[in-house]
Amino acid sequence: MSISLNLAITKKVKPPRALYPGFSLGHPMGRSHDKDIQLQVLREALGLLEMDLEPGEVVIKSY
């Protein structure tokens, strides 16, 4: 399971499960001290473990 910051690279690497939250480099979980968003990202990333995804398929979210 991966939380990606670069969609193009993630699509080339094809991890079994990947979440692309759309945040900038260095901030995979969002802004510092924004616990609500960070928890949401973490829960959605862990939720990928229950999804039947093809290798290389990336779940794209916007926060």
N, C-alpha and C. Protein backbone atom coordinates (compact mmCIF):
# COMPACT_ATOMS: atom_id res chain seq x y z
N MET A 1 0.85 -1.16 0.00
CA MET A 1 0.00 0.00 0.00
C MET A 1 0.90 1.22 0.00
N SER A 2 0.53 2.18 -0.84
CA SER A 2 1.36 3.37 -1.00
C SER A 2 0.50 4.62 -0.98
N ILE A 3 1.03 5.67 -0.37
CA ILE A 3 0.44 7.00 -0.48
C ILE A 3 1.38 7.77 -1.40
N SER A 4 0.90 8.10 -2.57
CA SER A 4 1.75 8.66 -3.62
C SER A 4 1.67 10.18 -3.68
N LEU A 5 2.81 10.77 -4.01
CA LEU A 5 2.86 12.21 -4.23
C LEU A 5 3.17 12.54 -5.68
N ASN A 6 3.48 11.52 -6.48
CA ASN A 6 3.78 11.73 -7.89
C ASN A 6 3.01 10.68 -8.69
N LEU A 7 1.93 11.10 -9.30
CA LEU A 7 1.04 10.18 -10.00
C LEU A 7 1.73 9.47 -11.16
N ALA A 8 2.53 10.19 -11.93
CA ALA A 8 3.19 9.59 -13.09
C ALA A 8 4.14 8.46 -12.68
N ILE A 9 4.92 8.68 -11.64
CA ILE A 9 5.86 7.65 -11.18
C ILE A 9 5.09 6.47 -10.61
N THR A 10 4.06 6.73 -9.85
CA THR A 10 3.27 5.65 -9.26
C THR A 10 2.67 4.77 -10.34
N LYS A 11 2.18 5.36 -11.41
CA LYS A 11 1.61 4.57 -12.50
C LYS A 11 2.66 3.70 -13.19
N LYS A 12 3.91 4.17 -13.23
CA LYS A 12 4.99 3.38 -13.83
C LYS A 12 5.43 2.24 -12.91
N VAL A 13 5.47 2.50 -11.60
CA VAL A 13 5.92 1.51 -10.63
C VAL A 13 4.88 0.41 -10.43
N LYS A 14 3.60 0.76 -10.53
CA LYS A 14 2.47 -0.16 -10.38
C LYS A 14 2.45 -0.89 -9.04
N PRO A 15 2.39 -0.17 -7.93
CA PRO A 15 2.26 -0.86 -6.64
C PRO A 15 0.91 -1.56 -6.58
N PRO A 16 0.77 -2.58 -5.73
CA PRO A 16 -0.50 -3.31 -5.64
C PRO A 16 -1.68 -2.42 -5.26
N ARG A 17 -1.43 -1.44 -4.41
CA ARG A 17 -2.48 -0.52 -3.96
C ARG A 17 -1.85 0.85 -3.76
N ALA A 18 -2.47 1.89 -4.31
CA ALA A 18 -1.91 3.23 -4.16
C ALA A 18 -3.02 4.27 -4.04
N LEU A 19 -2.79 5.21 -3.16
CA LEU A 19 -3.68 6.36 -2.98
C LEU A 19 -2.91 7.61 -3.37
N TYR A 20 -3.51 8.42 -4.23
CA TYR A 20 -2.92 9.70 -4.61
C TYR A 20 -3.81 10.80 -4.04
N PRO A 21 -3.37 11.43 -2.92
CA PRO A 21 -4.21 12.45 -2.29
C PRO A 21 -4.07 13.85 -2.90
N GLY A 22 -3.11 14.03 -3.80
CA GLY A 22 -2.95 15.32 -4.47
C GLY A 22 -2.22 16.38 -3.68
N PHE A 23 -1.55 15.98 -2.60
CA PHE A 23 -0.79 16.95 -1.82
C PHE A 23 0.59 17.17 -2.44
N SER A 24 1.25 18.25 -2.06
CA SER A 24 2.57 18.56 -2.61
C SER A 24 3.65 17.67 -1.99
N LEU A 25 4.79 17.61 -2.67
CA LEU A 25 5.91 16.80 -2.18
C LEU A 25 6.27 17.19 -0.75
N GLY A 26 6.52 16.19 0.05
CA GLY A 26 6.88 16.42 1.45
C GLY A 26 5.69 16.44 2.39
N HIS A 27 4.49 16.37 1.83
CA HIS A 27 3.28 16.43 2.66
C HIS A 27 2.29 15.33 2.26
N PRO A 28 2.68 14.06 2.40
CA PRO A 28 1.81 12.97 1.94
C PRO A 28 0.48 12.87 2.67
N MET A 29 0.42 13.43 3.87
CA MET A 29 -0.81 13.35 4.67
C MET A 29 -1.50 14.70 4.80
N GLY A 30 -1.02 15.70 4.07
CA GLY A 30 -1.63 17.02 4.14
C GLY A 30 -0.83 17.98 5.01
N ARG A 31 -1.48 19.05 5.42
CA ARG A 31 -0.81 20.09 6.21
C ARG A 31 -0.45 19.61 7.62
N SER A 32 0.60 20.17 8.16
CA SER A 32 1.00 19.89 9.54
C SER A 32 -0.13 20.28 10.49
N HIS A 33 -0.34 19.46 11.47
CA HIS A 33 -1.30 19.72 12.55
C HIS A 33 -2.76 19.67 12.10
N ASP A 34 -3.03 19.23 10.86
CA ASP A 34 -4.41 19.09 10.40
C ASP A 34 -4.83 17.64 10.64
N LYS A 35 -5.10 17.34 11.91
CA LYS A 35 -5.36 15.95 12.31
C LYS A 35 -6.56 15.34 11.60
N ASP A 36 -7.59 16.12 11.35
CA ASP A 36 -8.79 15.58 10.71
C ASP A 36 -8.50 15.07 9.30
N ILE A 37 -7.81 15.87 8.51
CA ILE A 37 -7.46 15.44 7.15
C ILE A 37 -6.46 14.29 7.19
N GLN A 38 -5.47 14.36 8.07
CA GLN A 38 -4.47 13.31 8.16
C GLN A 38 -5.13 11.98 8.51
N LEU A 39 -6.06 11.99 9.42
CA LEU A 39 -6.77 10.78 9.81
C LEU A 39 -7.62 10.27 8.65
N GLN A 40 -8.25 11.16 7.92
CA GLN A 40 -9.06 10.76 6.77
C GLN A 40 -8.19 10.10 5.70
N VAL A 41 -7.03 10.69 5.41
CA VAL A 41 -6.11 10.12 4.43
C VAL A 41 -5.66 8.73 4.88
N LEU A 42 -5.28 8.61 6.14
CA LEU A 42 -4.82 7.33 6.66
C LEU A 42 -5.91 6.27 6.58
N ARG A 43 -7.13 6.62 6.97
CA ARG A 43 -8.24 5.66 6.91
C ARG A 43 -8.53 5.23 5.47
N GLU A 44 -8.50 6.18 4.55
CA GLU A 44 -8.76 5.83 3.16
C GLU A 44 -7.63 4.99 2.58
N ALA A 45 -6.40 5.27 2.97
CA ALA A 45 -5.27 4.46 2.51
C ALA A 45 -5.40 3.03 3.05
N LEU A 46 -5.72 2.89 4.31
CA LEU A 46 -5.90 1.55 4.88
C LEU A 46 -7.11 0.85 4.26
N GLY A 47 -8.10 1.62 3.88
CA GLY A 47 -9.27 1.05 3.22
C GLY A 47 -8.95 0.40 1.88
N LEU A 48 -7.84 0.79 1.27
CA LEU A 48 -7.42 0.16 0.02
C LEU A 48 -7.16 -1.33 0.20
N LEU A 49 -6.81 -1.73 1.42
CA LEU A 49 -6.52 -3.13 1.69
C LEU A 49 -7.76 -4.00 1.50
N GLU A 50 -8.93 -3.41 1.62
CA GLU A 50 -10.18 -4.16 1.46
C GLU A 50 -10.73 -4.08 0.03
N MET A 51 -10.09 -3.29 -0.82
CA MET A 51 -10.57 -3.12 -2.19
C MET A 51 -9.88 -4.10 -3.13
N ASP A 52 -10.60 -4.53 -4.14
CA ASP A 52 -10.05 -5.43 -5.16
C ASP A 52 -9.51 -4.58 -6.30
N LEU A 53 -8.24 -4.20 -6.20
CA LEU A 53 -7.61 -3.33 -7.19
C LEU A 53 -6.64 -4.12 -8.05
N GLU A 54 -6.53 -3.71 -9.29
CA GLU A 54 -5.52 -4.28 -10.18
C GLU A 54 -4.18 -3.62 -9.89
N PRO A 55 -3.06 -4.36 -10.02
CA PRO A 55 -1.75 -3.72 -9.84
C PRO A 55 -1.60 -2.52 -10.76
N GLY A 56 -1.17 -1.42 -10.21
CA GLY A 56 -1.00 -0.20 -10.98
C GLY A 56 -2.20 0.73 -10.95
N GLU A 57 -3.33 0.23 -10.46
CA GLU A 57 -4.51 1.09 -10.33
C GLU A 57 -4.30 2.04 -9.16
N VAL A 58 -4.56 3.31 -9.39
CA VAL A 58 -4.34 4.33 -8.37
C VAL A 58 -5.68 4.97 -8.02
N VAL A 59 -5.97 5.02 -6.73
CA VAL A 59 -7.18 5.70 -6.26
C VAL A 59 -6.82 7.17 -6.06
N ILE A 60 -7.51 8.04 -6.75
CA ILE A 60 -7.23 9.47 -6.71
C ILE A 60 -8.30 10.15 -5.87
N LYS A 61 -7.85 10.88 -4.85
CA LYS A 61 -8.75 11.61 -3.97
C LYS A 61 -8.35 13.07 -3.94
N SER A 62 -9.28 13.90 -3.59
CA SER A 62 -9.02 15.32 -3.44
C SER A 62 -9.52 15.76 -2.08
N TYR A 63 -8.69 16.46 -1.35
CA TYR A 63 -9.04 16.88 0.02
C TYR A 63 -9.08 18.38 0.12
